[in-house]
């Protein structure tokens, strides 16, 4: 497995940056606390902007906490967000499109707030200081990651990709141990894995010297990305001191699920098993 590559993989303006998010399953991988709140997205002065201010009394959150937000009203865009600033009863995250909207938002947090519910990884580092890459205002931890098996031939069963992460520092084993405290031996099974891809020209400018993206055409578009691919972790296939590997399954892969889910009998519908001539 390759180590994190330097200088954003020796990019051109058409280079594709591949990033991964892993969202834990509530009450399987962590004990959830469900939250509902209100939000306003603006420029901070009542006009259209990307600052999303969420109001939740005595929330107890800290900057850097990653949340998966579900905007239940208004025009907020569902997704993964990182808390940027906090106050006693409010906190802010950054949107990818400029607009003015308001409404309600819901999300889950770990009952132990300091423990994450979302992990972000990228097999590379930024050009400014060789640290973690930032995209859509979310920080993706630099971690040797290898993903393969996404190709679909159009024939036979759907692909079951594998996701392999470095475990030299025991990082992934620590995550497994933490989540297995909620459900023994779950090993992240059922966690949502999203493969995200963006062009280098649309990376956040904070990744580059002087905060200027040299690959951009005009201005950076933080909302631009290739279609996302969403999978679930089916099982852990390898865990040792060097790597941890997972087998992924598409949401369309119905392996192991019978259809119909329920067999209808005469007790449900008297006409079952009979023929009627009209």
C-alpha atoms as a PDB file:
ATOM      1  CA  UNK A   1       0.000   0.000   0.000  1.00  0.00           C
ATOM      2  CA  UNK A   2       1.304   3.428  -0.916  1.00  0.00           C
ATOM      3  CA  UNK A   3       2.013   5.981   1.776  1.00  0.00           C
ATOM      4  CA  UNK A   4       0.269   9.370   1.650  1.00  0.00           C
ATOM      5  CA  UNK A   5       1.590  11.144  -1.425  1.00  0.00           C
ATOM      6  CA  UNK A   6       3.031  14.619  -1.339  1.00  0.00           C
ATOM      7  CA  UNK A   7       1.978  17.796  -3.134  1.00  0.00           C
ATOM      8  CA  UNK A   8      -1.580  16.649  -3.690  1.00  0.00           C
ATOM      9  CA  UNK A   9      -0.438  13.798  -5.929  1.00  0.00           C
ATOM     10  CA  UNK A  10       1.427  15.993  -8.426  1.00  0.00           C
ATOM     11  CA  UNK A  11      -1.752  17.481  -9.772  1.00  0.00           C
ATOM     12  CA  UNK A  12      -2.938  19.053 -12.954  1.00  0.00           C
ATOM     13  CA  UNK A  13      -6.157  21.046 -13.116  1.00  0.00           C
ATOM     14  CA  UNK A  14      -7.972  17.911 -14.295  1.00  0.00           C
ATOM     15  CA  UNK A  15      -6.642  15.590 -11.599  1.00  0.00           C
ATOM     16  CA  UNK A  16      -9.279  13.718  -9.629  1.00  0.00           C
ATOM     17  CA  UNK A  17      -8.978  13.763  -5.848  1.00  0.00           C
ATOM     18  CA  UNK A  18     -10.546  10.751  -4.170  1.00  0.00           C
ATOM     19  CA  UNK A  19     -11.816  11.009  -0.599  1.00  0.00           C
ATOM     20  CA  UNK A  20     -13.766   8.707   1.698  1.00  0.00           C
ATOM     21  CA  UNK A  21     -16.225   9.233   4.506  1.00  0.00           C
ATOM     22  CA  UNK A  22     -17.278   6.513   6.946  1.00  0.00           C
ATOM     23  CA  UNK A  23     -20.507   7.222   8.826  1.00  0.00           C
ATOM     24  CA  UNK A  24     -21.184   4.997  11.818  1.00  0.00           C
ATOM     25  CA  UNK A  25     -24.569   3.385  12.324  1.00  0.00           C
ATOM     26  CA  UNK A  26     -26.410   4.758  15.368  1.00  0.00           C
ATOM     27  CA  UNK A  27     -27.127   2.315  18.205  1.00  0.00           C
ATOM     28  CA  UNK A  28     -24.957  -0.276  16.442  1.00  0.00           C
ATOM     29  CA  UNK A  29     -21.597   1.462  16.497  1.00  0.00           C
ATOM     30  CA  UNK A  30     -22.382   4.096  19.112  1.00  0.00           C
ATOM     31  CA  UNK A  31     -25.131   5.054  21.520  1.00  0.00           C
ATOM     32  CA  UNK A  32     -26.906   7.913  19.852  1.00  0.00           C
ATOM     33  CA  UNK A  33     -28.406  11.092  21.209  1.00  0.00           C
ATOM     34  CA  UNK A  34     -30.864  12.496  18.674  1.00  0.00           C
ATOM     35  CA  UNK A  35     -30.909  16.259  18.239  1.00  0.00           C
ATOM     36  CA  UNK A  36     -33.289  18.669  16.518  1.00  0.00           C
ATOM     37  CA  UNK A  37     -32.492  22.336  16.044  1.00  0.00           C
ATOM     38  CA  UNK A  38     -33.169  25.382  13.905  1.00  0.00           C
ATOM     39  CA  UNK A  39     -30.797  26.951  11.417  1.00  0.00           C
ATOM     40  CA  UNK A  40     -30.261  30.019   9.273  1.00  0.00           C
ATOM     41  CA  UNK A  41     -27.948  30.062   6.265  1.00  0.00           C
ATOM     42  CA  UNK A  42     -26.725  33.518   5.235  1.00  0.00           C
ATOM     43  CA  UNK A  43     -23.684  35.736   4.878  1.00  0.00           C
ATOM     44  CA  UNK A  44     -24.001  36.705   8.532  1.00  0.00           C
ATOM     45  CA  UNK A  45     -25.748  39.961   7.687  1.00  0.00           C
ATOM     46  CA  UNK A  46     -29.066  38.744   6.338  1.00  0.00           C
ATOM     47  CA  UNK A  47     -28.009  38.164   2.729  1.00  0.00           C
ATOM     48  CA  UNK A  48     -27.198  35.000   0.787  1.00  0.00           C
ATOM     49  CA  UNK A  49     -24.078  33.228   2.010  1.00  0.00           C
ATOM     50  CA  UNK A  50     -22.490  29.961   3.126  1.00  0.00           C
ATOM     51  CA  UNK A  51     -22.542  30.454   6.915  1.00  0.00           C
ATOM     52  CA  UNK A  52     -25.013  28.024   8.482  1.00  0.00           C
ATOM     53  CA  UNK A  53     -25.799  29.028  12.057  1.00  0.00           C
ATOM     54  CA  UNK A  54     -27.493  26.282  14.062  1.00  0.00           C
ATOM     55  CA  UNK A  55     -29.259  27.125  17.307  1.00  0.00           C
ATOM     56  CA  UNK A  56     -29.349  24.453  20.009  1.00  0.00           C
ATOM     57  CA  UNK A  57     -29.420  25.412  23.670  1.00  0.00           C
ATOM     58  CA  UNK A  58     -26.392  24.326  25.728  1.00  0.00           C
ATOM     59  CA  UNK A  59     -25.211  21.952  22.988  1.00  0.00           C
ATOM     60  CA  UNK A  60     -21.780  21.315  24.517  1.00  0.00           C
ATOM     61  CA  UNK A  61     -20.088  20.796  21.130  1.00  0.00           C
ATOM     62  CA  UNK A  62     -16.576  21.812  20.174  1.00  0.00           C
ATOM     63  CA  UNK A  63     -15.141  23.150  16.931  1.00  0.00           C
ATOM     64  CA  UNK A  64     -13.947  20.308  14.705  1.00  0.00           C
ATOM     65  CA  UNK A  65     -16.793  17.921  15.539  1.00  0.00           C
ATOM     66  CA  UNK A  66     -18.075  16.265  12.348  1.00  0.00           C
ATOM     67  CA  UNK A  67     -21.837  15.868  11.961  1.00  0.00           C
ATOM     68  CA  UNK A  68     -24.122  14.289   9.387  1.00  0.00           C
ATOM     69  CA  UNK A  69     -26.912  16.859   9.075  1.00  0.00           C
ATOM     70  CA  UNK A  70     -30.438  16.220   7.813  1.00  0.00           C
ATOM     71  CA  UNK A  71     -32.166  19.491   6.911  1.00  0.00           C
ATOM     72  CA  UNK A  72     -35.849  18.703   7.347  1.00  0.00           C
ATOM     73  CA  UNK A  73     -37.161  22.063   6.134  1.00  0.00           C
ATOM     74  CA  UNK A  74     -35.833  25.003   4.184  1.00  0.00           C
ATOM     75  CA  UNK A  75     -33.299  24.533   1.399  1.00  0.00           C
ATOM     76  CA  UNK A  76     -30.340  23.334   3.451  1.00  0.00           C
ATOM     77  CA  UNK A  77     -28.321  20.594   1.733  1.00  0.00           C
ATOM     78  CA  UNK A  78     -27.998  17.317   3.637  1.00  0.00           C
ATOM     79  CA  UNK A  79     -24.469  16.062   4.154  1.00  0.00           C
ATOM     80  CA  UNK A  80     -21.361  15.878   6.277  1.00  0.00           C
ATOM     81  CA  UNK A  81     -20.334  19.125   7.983  1.00  0.00           C
ATOM     82  CA  UNK A  82     -17.598  20.160  10.382  1.00  0.00           C
ATOM     83  CA  UNK A  83     -18.341  22.604  13.182  1.00  0.00           C
ATOM     84  CA  UNK A  84     -16.344  25.784  12.544  1.00  0.00           C
ATOM     85  CA  UNK A  85     -17.245  28.023  15.492  1.00  0.00           C
ATOM     86  CA  UNK A  86     -19.184  27.516  18.714  1.00  0.00           C
ATOM     87  CA  UNK A  87     -21.074  29.620  21.226  1.00  0.00           C
ATOM     88  CA  UNK A  88     -23.104  28.481  24.225  1.00  0.00           C
ATOM     89  CA  UNK A  89     -26.345  28.047  22.292  1.00  0.00           C
ATOM     90  CA  UNK A  90     -25.214  28.153  18.660  1.00  0.00           C
ATOM     91  CA  UNK A  91     -22.594  26.730  16.349  1.00  0.00           C
ATOM     92  CA  UNK A  92     -21.726  27.254  12.689  1.00  0.00           C
ATOM     93  CA  UNK A  93     -20.882  25.024   9.746  1.00  0.00           C
ATOM     94  CA  UNK A  94     -20.039  26.003   6.169  1.00  0.00           C
ATOM     95  CA  UNK A  95     -22.344  25.329   3.222  1.00  0.00           C
ATOM     96  CA  UNK A  96     -21.143  24.554  -0.302  1.00  0.00           C
ATOM     97  CA  UNK A  97     -23.573  26.901  -2.072  1.00  0.00           C
ATOM     98  CA  UNK A  98     -24.432  30.513  -1.306  1.00  0.00           C
ATOM     99  CA  UNK A  99     -28.084  31.077  -0.387  1.00  0.00           C
ATOM    100  CA  UNK A 100     -30.394  32.493   2.221  1.00  0.00           C
ATOM    101  CA  UNK A 101     -32.620  29.914   3.849  1.00  0.00           C
ATOM    102  CA  UNK A 102     -33.826  28.835   7.245  1.00  0.00           C
ATOM    103  CA  UNK A 103     -35.639  25.888   8.803  1.00  0.00           C
ATOM    104  CA  UNK A 104     -35.153  22.819  10.960  1.00  0.00           C
ATOM    105  CA  UNK A 105     -32.299  20.340  11.074  1.00  0.00           C
ATOM    106  CA  UNK A 106     -31.857  16.980  12.804  1.00  0.00           C
ATOM    107  CA  UNK A 107     -28.793  14.866  13.496  1.00  0.00           C
ATOM    108  CA  UNK A 108     -27.349  12.255  15.824  1.00  0.00           C
ATOM    109  CA  UNK A 109     -24.360  12.633  18.094  1.00  0.00           C
ATOM    110  CA  UNK A 110     -22.525  10.108  20.190  1.00  0.00           C
ATOM    111  CA  UNK A 111     -23.798   9.976  23.780  1.00  0.00           C
ATOM    112  CA  UNK A 112     -20.118  10.488  24.572  1.00  0.00           C
ATOM    113  CA  UNK A 113     -19.856  13.725  22.578  1.00  0.00           C
ATOM    114  CA  UNK A 114     -16.086  13.577  22.162  1.00  0.00           C
ATOM    115  CA  UNK A 115     -16.327  10.263  20.272  1.00  0.00           C
ATOM    116  CA  UNK A 116     -16.847  10.702  16.504  1.00  0.00           C
ATOM    117  CA  UNK A 117     -19.757   9.387  14.474  1.00  0.00           C
ATOM    118  CA  UNK A 118     -18.099  10.226  11.126  1.00  0.00           C
ATOM    119  CA  UNK A 119     -14.535   9.595   9.943  1.00  0.00           C
ATOM    120  CA  UNK A 120     -12.938  11.230   6.896  1.00  0.00           C
ATOM    121  CA  UNK A 121      -9.889   9.846   5.044  1.00  0.00           C
ATOM    122  CA  UNK A 122      -7.746  10.757   2.056  1.00  0.00           C
ATOM    123  CA  UNK A 123      -4.538   9.102   0.854  1.00  0.00           C
ATOM    124  CA  UNK A 124      -2.599  12.311   0.490  1.00  0.00           C
ATOM    125  CA  UNK A 125      -1.767  15.672   2.011  1.00  0.00           C
ATOM    126  CA  UNK A 126      -2.012  19.320   1.115  1.00  0.00           C
ATOM    127  CA  UNK A 127       0.553  21.509  -0.655  1.00  0.00           C
ATOM    128  CA  UNK A 128       0.759  24.209   1.993  1.00  0.00           C
ATOM    129  CA  UNK A 129       2.197  22.328   4.963  1.00  0.00           C
ATOM    130  CA  UNK A 130       1.878  18.629   4.004  1.00  0.00           C
ATOM    131  CA  UNK A 131      -0.916  18.156   6.530  1.00  0.00           C
ATOM    132  CA  UNK A 132      -4.516  16.991   6.115  1.00  0.00           C
ATOM    133  CA  UNK A 133      -6.476  17.984   3.023  1.00  0.00           C
ATOM    134  CA  UNK A 134      -9.559  20.195   3.352  1.00  0.00           C
ATOM    135  CA  UNK A 135     -12.514  19.891   1.001  1.00  0.00           C
ATOM    136  CA  UNK A 136     -15.904  21.547   1.394  1.00  0.00           C
ATOM    137  CA  UNK A 137     -14.595  22.887   4.729  1.00  0.00           C
ATOM    138  CA  UNK A 138     -14.180  19.310   6.025  1.00  0.00           C
ATOM    139  CA  UNK A 139     -10.761  18.007   7.044  1.00  0.00           C
ATOM    140  CA  UNK A 140      -9.850  14.585   5.640  1.00  0.00           C
ATOM    141  CA  UNK A 141      -7.220  12.787   7.697  1.00  0.00           C
ATOM    142  CA  UNK A 142      -4.141  11.809   5.691  1.00  0.00           C
ATOM    143  CA  UNK A 143      -4.156   8.048   5.794  1.00  0.00           C
ATOM    144  CA  UNK A 144      -2.768   5.451   3.383  1.00  0.00           C
ATOM    145  CA  UNK A 145      -5.959   4.172   1.744  1.00  0.00           C
ATOM    146  CA  UNK A 146      -6.401   1.771  -1.130  1.00  0.00           C
ATOM    147  CA  UNK A 147      -9.807   1.173  -2.674  1.00  0.00           C
ATOM    148  CA  UNK A 148     -10.376  -1.145  -5.609  1.00  0.00           C
ATOM    149  CA  UNK A 149     -12.987  -3.270  -7.316  1.00  0.00           C
ATOM    150  CA  UNK A 150     -15.428  -0.488  -8.232  1.00  0.00           C
ATOM    151  CA  UNK A 151     -15.644  -1.402 -11.910  1.00  0.00           C
ATOM    152  CA  UNK A 152     -19.012  -2.756 -13.028  1.00  0.00           C
ATOM    153  CA  UNK A 153     -19.086  -4.802 -16.219  1.00  0.00           C
ATOM    154  CA  UNK A 154     -22.857  -4.719 -16.647  1.00  0.00           C
ATOM    155  CA  UNK A 155     -23.004  -8.474 -16.404  1.00  0.00           C
ATOM    156  CA  UNK A 156     -23.641 -10.656 -13.402  1.00  0.00           C
ATOM    157  CA  UNK A 157     -23.584  -9.473  -9.798  1.00  0.00           C
ATOM    158  CA  UNK A 158     -22.761  -5.983  -8.614  1.00  0.00           C
ATOM    159  CA  UNK A 159     -19.140  -5.266  -7.658  1.00  0.00           C
ATOM    160  CA  UNK A 160     -18.062  -5.652  -4.052  1.00  0.00           C
ATOM    161  CA  UNK A 161     -15.159  -3.230  -3.661  1.00  0.00           C
ATOM    162  CA  UNK A 162     -12.568  -3.493  -0.931  1.00  0.00           C
ATOM    163  CA  UNK A 163     -11.348  -0.618   1.219  1.00  0.00           C
ATOM    164  CA  UNK A 164      -7.910  -1.090   2.747  1.00  0.00           C
ATOM    165  CA  UNK A 165      -6.529   1.317   5.335  1.00  0.00           C
ATOM    166  CA  UNK A 166      -3.159   1.511   7.014  1.00  0.00           C
ATOM    167  CA  UNK A 167      -3.105   0.246  10.592  1.00  0.00           C
ATOM    168  CA  UNK A 168       0.555   0.830  11.404  1.00  0.00           C
ATOM    169  CA  UNK A 169      -0.330   3.150  14.272  1.00  0.00           C
ATOM    170  CA  UNK A 170      -3.291   1.030  15.354  1.00  0.00           C
ATOM    171  CA  UNK A 171      -5.697   3.793  14.292  1.00  0.00           C
ATOM    172  CA  UNK A 172      -8.302   1.554  12.680  1.00  0.00           C
ATOM    173  CA  UNK A 173      -8.050  -1.094  15.386  1.00  0.00           C
ATOM    174  CA  UNK A 174      -8.768   1.640  17.948  1.00  0.00           C
ATOM    175  CA  UNK A 175     -11.890   2.648  16.009  1.00  0.00           C
ATOM    176  CA  UNK A 176     -13.028  -0.985  15.878  1.00  0.00           C
ATOM    177  CA  UNK A 177     -12.475  -1.427  19.604  1.00  0.00           C
ATOM    178  CA  UNK A 178     -14.458   1.727  20.321  1.00  0.00           C
ATOM    179  CA  UNK A 179     -17.429   0.755  18.159  1.00  0.00           C
ATOM    180  CA  UNK A 180     -17.397  -2.848  19.361  1.00  0.00           C
ATOM    181  CA  UNK A 181     -18.109  -1.596  22.871  1.00  0.00           C
ATOM    182  CA  UNK A 182     -21.641  -0.827  21.669  1.00  0.00           C
ATOM    183  CA  UNK A 183     -22.164  -4.015  19.645  1.00  0.00           C
ATOM    184  CA  UNK A 184     -19.618  -6.760  20.227  1.00  0.00           C
ATOM    185  CA  UNK A 185     -17.834  -8.022  17.104  1.00  0.00           C
ATOM    186  CA  UNK A 186     -19.716  -5.637  14.811  1.00  0.00           C
ATOM    187  CA  UNK A 187     -16.399  -4.508  13.275  1.00  0.00           C
ATOM    188  CA  UNK A 188     -18.093  -1.556  11.540  1.00  0.00           C
ATOM    189  CA  UNK A 189     -20.485  -3.800   9.616  1.00  0.00           C
ATOM    190  CA  UNK A 190     -23.313  -1.642   8.289  1.00  0.00           C
ATOM    191  CA  UNK A 191     -21.337   1.603   8.368  1.00  0.00           C
ATOM    192  CA  UNK A 192     -21.985   3.899   5.400  1.00  0.00           C
ATOM    193  CA  UNK A 193     -18.960   4.468   3.156  1.00  0.00           C
ATOM    194  CA  UNK A 194     -19.131   7.257   0.591  1.00  0.00           C
ATOM    195  CA  UNK A 195     -16.587   7.540  -2.192  1.00  0.00           C
ATOM    196  CA  UNK A 196     -16.236  11.214  -3.066  1.00  0.00           C
ATOM    197  CA  UNK A 197     -14.314  12.611  -6.024  1.00  0.00           C
ATOM    198  CA  UNK A 198     -13.525  16.193  -6.947  1.00  0.00           C
ATOM    199  CA  UNK A 199     -11.259  17.901  -9.443  1.00  0.00           C
ATOM    200  CA  UNK A 200      -8.140  19.587  -8.100  1.00  0.00           C
ATOM    201  CA  UNK A 201      -9.354  22.943  -9.447  1.00  0.00           C
ATOM    202  CA  UNK A 202     -12.233  22.869  -6.981  1.00  0.00           C
ATOM    203  CA  UNK A 203     -10.271  22.051  -3.834  1.00  0.00           C
ATOM    204  CA  UNK A 204     -10.487  24.525  -0.971  1.00  0.00           C
ATOM    205  CA  UNK A 205      -7.830  27.208  -1.369  1.00  0.00           C
ATOM    206  CA  UNK A 206      -6.603  26.663   2.187  1.00  0.00           C
ATOM    207  CA  UNK A 207      -4.749  23.578   0.862  1.00  0.00           C
ATOM    208  CA  UNK A 208      -2.288  25.693  -1.124  1.00  0.00           C
ATOM    209  CA  UNK A 209       0.494  28.216  -0.420  1.00  0.00           C
ATOM    210  CA  UNK A 210      -0.832  31.753   0.092  1.00  0.00           C
ATOM    211  CA  UNK A 211      -4.334  30.239   0.122  1.00  0.00           C
ATOM    212  CA  UNK A 212      -4.488  30.296  -3.664  1.00  0.00           C
ATOM    213  CA  UNK A 213      -5.479  27.205  -5.664  1.00  0.00           C
ATOM    214  CA  UNK A 214      -3.134  27.307  -8.694  1.00  0.00           C
ATOM    215  CA  UNK A 215      -5.354  24.898 -10.633  1.00  0.00           C
ATOM    216  CA  UNK A 216      -8.597  26.845 -10.433  1.00  0.00           C
ATOM    217  CA  UNK A 217     -10.366  28.259 -13.462  1.00  0.00           C
ATOM    218  CA  UNK A 218     -11.698  31.603 -12.316  1.00  0.00           C
ATOM    219  CA  UNK A 219     -12.918  30.745  -8.830  1.00  0.00           C
ATOM    220  CA  UNK A 220     -13.174  27.535  -6.833  1.00  0.00           C
ATOM    221  CA  UNK A 221     -16.586  25.839  -6.868  1.00  0.00           C
ATOM    222  CA  UNK A 222     -16.844  23.918  -3.571  1.00  0.00           C
ATOM    223  CA  UNK A 223     -20.113  22.304  -4.660  1.00  0.00           C
ATOM    224  CA  UNK A 224     -18.594  20.723  -7.780  1.00  0.00           C
ATOM    225  CA  UNK A 225     -17.922  17.012  -7.540  1.00  0.00           C
ATOM    226  CA  UNK A 226     -18.322  13.788  -9.474  1.00  0.00           C
ATOM    227  CA  UNK A 227     -21.320  11.585  -8.624  1.00  0.00           C
ATOM    228  CA  UNK A 228     -20.940  10.066  -5.181  1.00  0.00           C
ATOM    229  CA  UNK A 229     -20.838   6.304  -4.744  1.00  0.00           C
ATOM    230  CA  UNK A 230     -22.423   5.009  -1.555  1.00  0.00           C
ATOM    231  CA  UNK A 231     -21.671   1.607  -0.040  1.00  0.00           C
ATOM    232  CA  UNK A 232     -22.081  -0.200   3.251  1.00  0.00           C
ATOM    233  CA  UNK A 233     -19.422  -2.222   5.007  1.00  0.00           C
ATOM    234  CA  UNK A 234     -20.419  -5.856   4.646  1.00  0.00           C
ATOM    235  CA  UNK A 235     -17.625  -7.341   6.729  1.00  0.00           C
ATOM    236  CA  UNK A 236     -14.054  -6.980   7.884  1.00  0.00           C
ATOM    237  CA  UNK A 237     -11.856  -9.316   5.851  1.00  0.00           C
ATOM    238  CA  UNK A 238      -8.360  -8.546   7.213  1.00  0.00           C
ATOM    239  CA  UNK A 239      -6.999  -7.014  10.385  1.00  0.00           C
ATOM    240  CA  UNK A 240      -3.345  -7.068  11.351  1.00  0.00           C
ATOM    241  CA  UNK A 241      -0.610  -4.684  12.437  1.00  0.00           C
ATOM    242  CA  UNK A 242      -0.211  -3.330   8.912  1.00  0.00           C
ATOM    243  CA  UNK A 243      -3.697  -3.000   7.434  1.00  0.00           C
ATOM    244  CA  UNK A 244      -7.405  -3.369   8.010  1.00  0.00           C
ATOM    245  CA  UNK A 245      -9.501  -4.310   5.003  1.00  0.00           C
ATOM    246  CA  UNK A 246     -13.262  -4.188   4.543  1.00  0.00           C
ATOM    247  CA  UNK A 247     -15.546  -5.634   1.906  1.00  0.00           C
ATOM    248  CA  UNK A 248     -18.129  -3.110   0.720  1.00  0.00           C
ATOM    249  CA  UNK A 249     -21.569  -3.744  -0.690  1.00  0.00           C
ATOM    250  CA  UNK A 250     -23.801  -1.500  -2.775  1.00  0.00           C
ATOM    251  CA  UNK A 251     -27.211  -0.524  -1.444  1.00  0.00           C
ATOM    252  CA  UNK A 252     -28.611  -2.244  -4.552  1.00  0.00           C
ATOM    253  CA  UNK A 253     -26.937  -5.556  -3.730  1.00  0.00           C
ATOM    254  CA  UNK A 254     -29.611  -7.766  -2.213  1.00  0.00           C
ATOM    255  CA  UNK A 255     -27.364 -10.729  -1.446  1.00  0.00           C
ATOM    256  CA  UNK A 256     -28.784 -12.695   1.479  1.00  0.00           C
ATOM    257  CA  UNK A 257     -32.156 -10.964   1.349  1.00  0.00           C
ATOM    258  CA  UNK A 258     -35.155 -12.996   0.220  1.00  0.00           C
ATOM    259  CA  UNK A 259     -37.988 -11.604  -1.854  1.00  0.00           C
ATOM    260  CA  UNK A 260     -40.757 -11.214  -1.042  1.00  0.00           C
ATOM    261  CA  UNK A 261     -39.846 -10.198   2.507  1.00  0.00           C
ATOM    262  CA  UNK A 262     -43.164 -11.609   3.754  1.00  0.00           C
ATOM    263  CA  UNK A 263     -45.122 -14.597   2.476  1.00  0.00           C
ATOM    264  CA  UNK A 264     -48.838 -13.862   2.293  1.00  0.00           C
ATOM    265  CA  UNK A 265     -51.091 -16.673   3.534  1.00  0.00           C
ATOM    266  CA  UNK A 266     -54.860 -17.234   3.682  1.00  0.00           C
ATOM    267  CA  UNK A 267     -54.796 -15.748   7.160  1.00  0.00           C
ATOM    268  CA  UNK A 268     -53.745 -12.478   5.554  1.00  0.00           C
ATOM    269  CA  UNK A 269     -55.906 -12.684   2.428  1.00  0.00           C
ATOM    270  CA  UNK A 270     -58.610 -15.259   1.864  1.00  0.00           C
ATOM    271  CA  UNK A 271     -58.067 -15.426  -1.881  1.00  0.00           C
ATOM    272  CA  UNK A 272     -54.500 -16.710  -1.678  1.00  0.00           C
ATOM    273  CA  UNK A 273     -54.101 -19.972  -3.589  1.00  0.00           C
ATOM    274  CA  UNK A 274     -57.444 -19.795  -5.424  1.00  0.00           C
ATOM    275  CA  UNK A 275     -58.266 -19.019  -9.029  1.00  0.00           C
ATOM    276  CA  UNK A 276     -61.251 -16.953 -10.028  1.00  0.00           C
ATOM    277  CA  UNK A 277     -62.742 -16.970 -13.527  1.00  0.00           C
ATOM    278  CA  UNK A 278     -64.424 -13.781 -14.690  1.00  0.00           C
END
